[in-house]
Amino acid sequence: MQIGIDSFAAAIRDPETGNTIAPSERLRNLIEEIELADQVGLDSFGVGEHHRSEFLDSAPTIILAAAASRTKNIRLASAVTVLSAADPVRIFQEFATIDLISQGRAEIVVGRGSFTEAYPLFGLKLQDYDDLFIEKLDLLLKIRDSQEVHWSGKHRPALNGQGIYPRPYQEQMPIWLGVGGTPQSFARAGYLGLPLMVAIIGGQHHRFRPLIDLYREAGERAGHAPEKLKVGLHMFGFLGDTIQQAADDFYPGYATMMTEIGKERGWPPTTRAQYDFTRSPTGAFLIGDAETVVEKVLYTNEVLGGIARLDFQMTAATLPHAKMQHAIEILGTKVAPAVRKALNA
């Protein structure tokens, strides 16, 4: 199992003053976090894409390119690229460039996004949500698999044999399909034989087992080898020296972020009781000391039938840089080695 981190580059607020740190400082901190993740032996670091004031990741490929020049081994991915609102040609060119800079460490995780701001921002109709994604995914895969592309669709001008450059360092750059909870998305990933990245942001993660089984069954029916049908998870997680410290450090920023988002979606405010339940042994949060989190990662792997990658979503609105760095260090030096040892045994 690969273990990594995902970040949405939240605009961090000082929990004591309420002031938001300068965007330039926040992005410098994020690059340092990616550097540290590389140094402590984590496998991947993903950067999301949002077009909202509370996040600084509207141009994730720029962040990943900066990280590529300052890291050596860690794989650099999106989390996720909002494919429906972008041009697949430009996405491929940008990630191929990152792949060249990093000498073969770039990956794309594509999805439709959990927010809708990108659609009006780029002149797209929200009612075309599904059609845009299906069509653009088809084009992106054709670009990956062929240097010269013949393709036509409804939402973008046709390509009539034009070459798409540069080509990546890797022979075939990985493209994951990021999904939420719709059966159609899981089945589509299986049919296409794409690795699956499942966003589990709450509740109890065992409820995703039927959907993951659907993905694997669809892939096998389509003729894809089982080893090609990899499953990754994107889950809230955080580490501290004690269980209580980790829970207390992560909660304020998590609650602030989720309550603000919830106002737009008609959700009730986030409560500490809900949070504590979700970090219980069967809940979806990977929050605690190293020993607790190792046990939960192994439990997650078992109940979901084998996981290829587990990304800790550590974004929170009031989490100081020093505490983030400490959590990354624990994840890389204690949790990841223990998980690898247990699974190898």
Protein backbone atom coordinates (compact mmCIF):
# COMPACT_ATOMS: atom_id res chain seq x y z
CA MET A 1 0.00 0.00 0.00
CA GLN A 2 1.25 3.47 -0.90
CA ILE A 3 0.64 6.17 1.70
CA GLY A 4 0.42 9.85 0.84
CA ILE A 5 -1.12 13.21 1.62
CA ASP A 6 -3.68 15.39 -0.15
CA SER A 7 -3.99 19.13 0.35
CA PHE A 8 -6.50 21.72 -0.80
CA ALA A 9 -4.10 24.55 0.11
CA ALA A 10 -6.59 26.05 2.55
CA ALA A 11 -6.09 29.72 3.37
CA ILE A 12 -5.02 29.21 6.99
CA ARG A 13 -6.39 31.45 9.75
CA ASP A 14 -4.55 32.06 12.99
CA PRO A 15 -6.74 30.37 15.63
CA GLU A 16 -5.93 33.07 18.21
CA THR A 17 -6.29 36.24 16.13
CA GLY A 18 -8.60 35.02 13.37
CA ASN A 19 -6.32 36.64 10.77
CA THR A 20 -5.55 34.77 7.57
CA ILE A 21 -1.86 34.35 6.81
CA ALA A 22 -0.54 35.85 3.58
CA PRO A 23 -1.20 33.65 0.53
CA SER A 24 2.49 33.77 -0.41
CA GLU A 25 3.44 32.43 3.02
CA ARG A 26 0.80 29.71 2.87
CA LEU A 27 2.05 28.48 -0.50
CA ARG A 28 5.68 28.54 0.68
CA ASN A 29 4.58 26.44 3.64
CA LEU A 30 2.81 24.01 1.35
CA ILE A 31 5.94 23.47 -0.74
CA GLU A 32 7.88 22.84 2.47
CA GLU A 33 5.24 20.28 3.48
CA ILE A 34 5.64 18.46 0.17
CA GLU A 35 9.44 18.53 0.57
CA LEU A 36 9.16 17.02 4.05
CA ALA A 37 6.75 14.34 2.84
CA ASP A 38 9.38 13.38 0.26
CA GLN A 39 12.19 13.36 2.83
CA VAL A 40 10.34 11.10 5.30
CA GLY A 41 9.53 8.54 2.62
CA LEU A 42 5.85 9.07 1.82
CA ASP A 43 4.74 7.82 -1.57
CA SER A 44 2.56 10.62 -2.95
CA PHE A 45 1.34 14.17 -2.48
CA GLY A 46 -1.82 15.43 -4.17
CA VAL A 47 -3.01 19.01 -4.61
CA GLY A 48 -6.69 19.74 -5.21
CA GLU A 49 -8.37 22.24 -7.52
CA HIS A 50 -10.89 24.79 -6.30
CA HIS A 51 -11.99 28.22 -7.42
CA ARG A 52 -13.04 29.62 -4.06
CA SER A 53 -11.64 32.26 -1.73
CA GLU A 54 -10.88 29.82 1.09
CA PHE A 55 -8.50 27.69 -1.03
CA LEU A 56 -5.32 28.63 -2.91
CA ASP A 57 -5.21 25.71 -5.33
CA SER A 58 -6.94 27.11 -8.42
CA ALA A 59 -3.75 26.39 -10.42
CA PRO A 60 -2.55 23.09 -8.93
CA THR A 61 -0.13 22.27 -11.74
CA ILE A 62 1.90 25.36 -10.84
CA ILE A 63 2.19 24.15 -7.24
CA LEU A 64 3.11 20.63 -8.37
CA ALA A 65 5.73 21.95 -10.79
CA ALA A 66 7.33 23.96 -7.99
CA ALA A 67 7.34 20.84 -5.82
CA ALA A 68 8.77 18.73 -8.65
CA SER A 69 11.95 20.80 -8.71
CA ARG A 70 12.45 20.42 -4.94
CA THR A 71 11.69 16.73 -4.42
CA LYS A 72 13.33 13.49 -5.51
CA ASN A 73 11.10 10.46 -5.03
CA ILE A 74 7.52 11.36 -4.09
CA ARG A 75 4.82 11.03 -6.72
CA LEU A 76 2.98 14.28 -7.49
CA ALA A 77 -0.72 14.16 -8.29
CA SER A 78 -3.88 16.21 -8.56
CA ALA A 79 -6.64 15.72 -6.00
CA VAL A 80 -8.66 16.14 -8.20
CA THR A 81 -8.34 17.90 -11.56
CA VAL A 82 -11.82 19.24 -12.44
CA LEU A 83 -11.80 17.72 -15.91
CA SER A 84 -15.32 18.84 -16.84
CA ALA A 85 -14.27 22.50 -16.68
CA ALA A 86 -10.89 22.21 -18.39
CA ASP A 87 -9.35 21.48 -21.78
CA PRO A 88 -7.93 17.93 -21.85
CA VAL A 89 -5.18 19.04 -24.23
CA ARG A 90 -3.88 21.63 -21.75
CA ILE A 91 -4.26 19.24 -18.82
CA PHE A 92 -2.15 16.64 -20.57
CA GLN A 93 0.49 19.18 -21.63
CA GLU A 94 0.79 20.58 -18.11
CA PHE A 95 1.09 17.20 -16.42
CA ALA A 96 3.46 15.92 -19.11
CA THR A 97 5.67 18.92 -18.33
CA ILE A 98 5.54 18.13 -14.59
CA ASP A 99 6.40 14.54 -15.48
CA LEU A 100 9.48 15.68 -17.40
CA ILE A 101 10.61 18.00 -14.59
CA SER A 102 10.12 15.27 -11.98
CA GLN A 103 11.52 12.49 -14.23
CA GLY A 104 8.40 10.37 -14.18
CA ARG A 105 6.57 11.18 -10.95
CA ALA A 106 3.38 12.90 -12.20
CA GLU A 107 -0.12 11.42 -11.96
CA ILE A 108 -3.53 12.83 -12.82
CA VAL A 109 -6.63 12.18 -10.73
CA VAL A 110 -9.60 13.44 -12.73
CA GLY A 111 -13.11 14.07 -11.45
CA ARG A 112 -16.10 16.35 -11.75
CA GLY A 113 -15.35 18.22 -8.53
CA SER A 114 -17.49 18.64 -5.43
CA PHE A 115 -18.10 22.37 -6.08
CA THR A 116 -19.70 24.06 -9.07
CA GLU A 117 -17.92 27.45 -9.25
CA ALA A 118 -15.72 26.36 -12.16
CA TYR A 119 -18.64 25.92 -14.54
CA PRO A 120 -19.89 29.53 -14.77
CA LEU A 121 -16.33 30.79 -14.30
CA PHE A 122 -15.26 29.11 -17.55
CA GLY A 123 -18.51 29.69 -19.43
CA LEU A 124 -19.92 26.18 -19.07
CA LYS A 125 -23.45 25.04 -18.33
CA LEU A 126 -23.98 23.10 -15.11
CA GLN A 127 -26.64 20.97 -16.79
CA ASP A 128 -23.85 19.57 -19.00
CA TYR A 129 -22.04 18.29 -15.88
CA ASP A 130 -22.04 14.62 -16.88
CA ASP A 131 -21.70 15.01 -20.65
CA LEU A 132 -18.70 17.30 -20.26
CA PHE A 133 -16.88 14.84 -18.05
CA ILE A 134 -17.56 11.74 -20.17
CA GLU A 135 -16.51 13.48 -23.39
CA LYS A 136 -13.38 15.08 -21.96
CA LEU A 137 -12.27 11.88 -20.25
CA ASP A 138 -12.50 10.10 -23.59
CA LEU A 139 -10.31 12.76 -25.20
CA LEU A 140 -7.76 12.77 -22.34
CA LEU A 141 -7.31 9.01 -22.59
CA LYS A 142 -6.85 9.21 -26.35
CA ILE A 143 -4.20 11.91 -25.91
CA ARG A 144 -2.38 9.77 -23.35
CA ASP A 145 -2.38 6.76 -25.63
CA SER A 146 -1.55 8.46 -28.94
CA GLN A 147 0.73 11.31 -29.91
CA GLU A 148 -1.44 12.29 -32.86
CA VAL A 149 -5.14 12.41 -32.10
CA HIS A 150 -8.24 12.04 -34.24
CA TRP A 151 -11.28 12.90 -32.16
CA SER A 152 -14.57 14.76 -32.34
CA GLY A 153 -17.14 15.67 -29.72
CA LYS A 154 -19.92 18.04 -28.80
CA HIS A 155 -18.23 20.44 -26.38
CA ARG A 156 -14.83 21.01 -27.99
CA PRO A 157 -13.51 21.53 -31.53
CA ALA A 158 -12.39 18.32 -33.23
CA LEU A 159 -8.80 17.16 -33.47
CA ASN A 160 -7.77 15.92 -36.89
CA GLY A 161 -4.41 14.30 -36.36
CA GLN A 162 -2.69 17.13 -34.53
CA GLY A 163 0.26 16.18 -32.36
CA ILE A 164 -0.02 16.79 -28.62
CA TYR A 165 3.30 17.80 -27.05
CA PRO A 166 5.32 17.40 -24.95
CA ARG A 167 5.07 13.70 -24.28
CA PRO A 168 5.65 12.63 -20.68
CA TYR A 169 8.73 10.98 -19.23
CA GLN A 170 6.68 7.88 -18.30
CA GLU A 171 5.63 5.58 -21.11
CA GLN A 172 2.04 5.85 -19.88
CA MET A 173 1.28 8.53 -17.32
CA PRO A 174 -1.19 7.24 -14.68
CA ILE A 175 -4.72 8.64 -14.86
CA TRP A 176 -6.95 7.85 -11.88
CA LEU A 177 -10.70 8.38 -11.80
CA GLY A 178 -11.76 10.28 -8.68
CA VAL A 179 -15.27 9.39 -7.46
CA GLY A 180 -17.68 10.17 -4.64
CA GLY A 181 -20.61 7.86 -4.07
CA THR A 182 -22.47 7.26 -7.34
CA PRO A 183 -22.53 3.65 -8.63
CA GLN A 184 -22.25 4.85 -12.23
CA SER A 185 -18.88 6.45 -11.53
CA PHE A 186 -17.49 3.28 -9.94
CA ALA A 187 -18.74 1.14 -12.81
CA ARG A 188 -17.32 3.57 -15.40
CA ALA A 189 -13.86 3.40 -13.85
CA GLY A 190 -13.99 -0.38 -13.89
CA TYR A 191 -15.19 -0.56 -17.49
CA LEU A 192 -12.33 1.72 -18.57
CA GLY A 193 -9.77 -0.15 -16.48
CA LEU A 194 -8.68 3.01 -14.69
CA PRO A 195 -7.36 3.07 -11.14
CA LEU A 196 -10.03 4.38 -8.77
CA MET A 197 -9.61 7.13 -6.15
CA VAL A 198 -12.53 7.16 -3.69
CA ALA A 199 -13.23 10.27 -1.61
CA ILE A 200 -14.50 9.14 1.81
CA ILE A 201 -15.11 12.31 3.80
CA GLY A 202 -17.34 11.03 6.59
CA GLY A 203 -19.52 8.27 7.95
CA GLN A 204 -18.28 4.70 8.10
CA HIS A 205 -16.03 3.62 5.31
CA HIS A 206 -17.20 -0.01 5.16
CA ARG A 207 -20.33 1.24 3.38
CA PHE A 208 -18.16 1.82 0.30
CA ARG A 209 -17.33 -1.89 -0.04
CA PRO A 210 -20.33 -2.68 -2.33
CA LEU A 211 -19.33 0.19 -4.63
CA ILE A 212 -15.70 -0.93 -4.73
CA ASP A 213 -16.86 -4.48 -5.48
CA LEU A 214 -18.98 -3.04 -8.31
CA TYR A 215 -15.87 -1.35 -9.71
CA ARG A 216 -13.87 -4.57 -9.63
CA GLU A 217 -16.70 -6.61 -11.14
CA ALA A 218 -17.20 -4.09 -13.96
CA GLY A 219 -13.48 -4.14 -14.69
CA GLU A 220 -13.29 -7.91 -14.78
CA ARG A 221 -16.33 -8.09 -17.10
CA ALA A 222 -14.60 -5.63 -19.41
CA GLY A 223 -11.58 -7.92 -19.55
CA HIS A 224 -9.15 -5.97 -17.37
CA ALA A 225 -6.67 -7.88 -15.24
CA PRO A 226 -7.37 -7.67 -11.48
CA GLU A 227 -3.97 -6.10 -10.81
CA LYS A 228 -4.91 -3.21 -13.09
CA LEU A 229 -7.99 -2.38 -11.00
CA LYS A 230 -6.28 -0.46 -8.22
CA VAL A 231 -8.27 1.27 -5.48
CA GLY A 232 -7.07 4.40 -3.69
CA LEU A 233 -8.72 6.31 -0.86
CA HIS A 234 -8.83 10.00 0.00
CA MET A 235 -9.72 10.30 3.71
CA PHE A 236 -9.44 12.94 6.41
CA GLY A 237 -6.47 12.14 8.62
CA PHE A 238 -4.07 13.74 11.07
CA LEU A 239 -1.35 12.61 13.47
CA GLY A 240 -0.19 13.75 16.89
CA ASP A 241 1.89 12.45 19.78
CA THR A 242 -1.32 11.35 21.52
CA ILE A 243 -4.81 10.51 20.34
CA GLN A 244 -6.26 13.49 22.18
CA GLN A 245 -3.69 15.92 20.88
CA ALA A 246 -4.28 14.92 17.27
CA ALA A 247 -8.04 15.15 17.68
CA ASP A 248 -7.89 18.52 19.43
CA ASP A 249 -5.42 20.02 16.96
CA PHE A 250 -7.36 19.04 13.84
CA TYR A 251 -10.91 19.69 15.01
CA PRO A 252 -11.10 23.54 15.07
CA GLY A 253 -9.97 23.99 11.49
CA TYR A 254 -11.95 21.03 10.23
CA ALA A 255 -15.14 22.26 11.93
CA THR A 256 -14.65 25.79 10.60
CA MET A 257 -14.15 24.58 7.05
CA MET A 258 -17.02 22.08 7.01
CA THR A 259 -19.47 24.43 8.73
CA GLU A 260 -18.79 27.16 6.18
CA ILE A 261 -19.27 24.74 3.30
CA GLY A 262 -22.35 23.33 4.99
CA LYS A 263 -24.06 26.74 5.04
CA GLU A 264 -24.16 26.62 1.24
CA ARG A 265 -25.57 23.10 1.16
CA GLY A 266 -28.11 23.24 3.94
CA TRP A 267 -26.10 21.08 6.35
CA PRO A 268 -26.29 21.64 10.12
CA PRO A 269 -23.14 23.00 11.81
CA THR A 270 -20.41 20.46 12.47
CA THR A 271 -20.32 19.29 16.10
CA ARG A 272 -17.58 17.77 18.21
CA ALA A 273 -19.79 14.74 18.87
CA GLN A 274 -20.09 14.01 15.14
CA TYR A 275 -16.36 14.47 14.72
CA ASP A 276 -15.50 12.15 17.61
CA PHE A 277 -17.87 9.48 16.30
CA THR A 278 -16.28 9.60 12.86
CA ARG A 279 -12.81 9.12 14.33
CA SER A 280 -14.02 6.07 16.31
CA PRO A 281 -12.65 2.62 15.32
CA THR A 282 -15.20 2.10 12.50
CA GLY A 283 -15.49 5.74 11.43
CA ALA A 284 -13.85 7.23 8.36
CA PHE A 285 -11.36 9.62 10.03
CA LEU A 286 -7.74 8.52 10.43
CA ILE A 287 -6.95 10.78 13.38
CA GLY A 288 -4.82 9.86 16.39
CA ASP A 289 -1.36 8.76 17.46
CA ALA A 290 0.77 6.52 15.26
CA GLU A 291 -0.32 3.23 16.81
CA THR A 292 -4.04 4.06 16.57
CA VAL A 293 -3.79 5.19 12.97
CA VAL A 294 -1.77 2.12 11.93
CA GLU A 295 -4.49 -0.14 13.33
CA LYS A 296 -7.17 1.83 11.52
CA VAL A 297 -5.31 1.80 8.21
CA LEU A 298 -4.98 -1.98 8.42
CA TYR A 299 -8.67 -2.28 9.31
CA THR A 300 -9.57 -0.07 6.35
CA ASN A 301 -7.49 -2.20 4.01
CA GLU A 302 -9.22 -5.35 5.25
CA VAL A 303 -12.84 -4.17 5.12
CA LEU A 304 -12.46 -2.63 1.66
CA GLY A 305 -10.77 -5.65 0.13
CA GLY A 306 -7.26 -4.34 -0.42
CA ILE A 307 -6.13 -0.77 -1.02
CA ALA A 308 -3.33 0.32 -3.35
CA ARG A 309 -3.00 3.88 -2.03
CA LEU A 310 -4.28 5.77 1.00
CA ASP A 311 -4.04 9.57 0.93
CA PHE A 312 -4.47 11.50 4.17
CA GLN A 313 -6.51 14.66 3.58
CA MET A 314 -4.92 17.05 6.07
CA THR A 315 -6.57 20.28 4.97
CA ALA A 316 -7.99 22.35 7.83
CA ALA A 317 -8.61 26.08 8.10
CA THR A 318 -6.66 26.82 11.30
CA LEU A 319 -3.83 24.28 11.35
CA PRO A 320 -0.42 25.85 12.04
CA HIS A 321 2.43 24.93 9.72
CA ALA A 322 4.55 23.47 12.54
CA LYS A 323 1.80 21.05 13.56
CA MET A 324 1.28 20.01 9.95
CA GLN A 325 4.99 19.33 9.62
CA HIS A 326 4.98 17.26 12.80
CA ALA A 327 2.00 15.22 11.55
CA ILE A 328 3.77 14.57 8.23
CA GLU A 329 6.88 13.42 10.07
CA ILE A 330 4.89 10.94 12.19
CA LEU A 331 3.06 9.65 9.12
CA GLY A 332 6.27 9.09 7.19
CA THR A 333 8.56 7.77 9.94
CA LYS A 334 6.13 5.75 12.08
CA VAL A 335 2.82 5.01 10.36
CA ALA A 336 3.95 4.19 6.83
CA PRO A 337 6.79 1.82 7.86
CA ALA A 338 4.52 -0.01 10.32
CA VAL A 339 1.78 -0.46 7.72
CA ARG A 340 4.23 -1.72 5.12
CA LYS A 341 5.76 -4.17 7.59
CA ALA A 342 2.35 -5.52 8.64
CA LEU A 343 1.11 -5.96 5.08
CA ASN A 344 4.34 -7.58 3.93
CA ALA A 345 4.12 -10.03 6.83
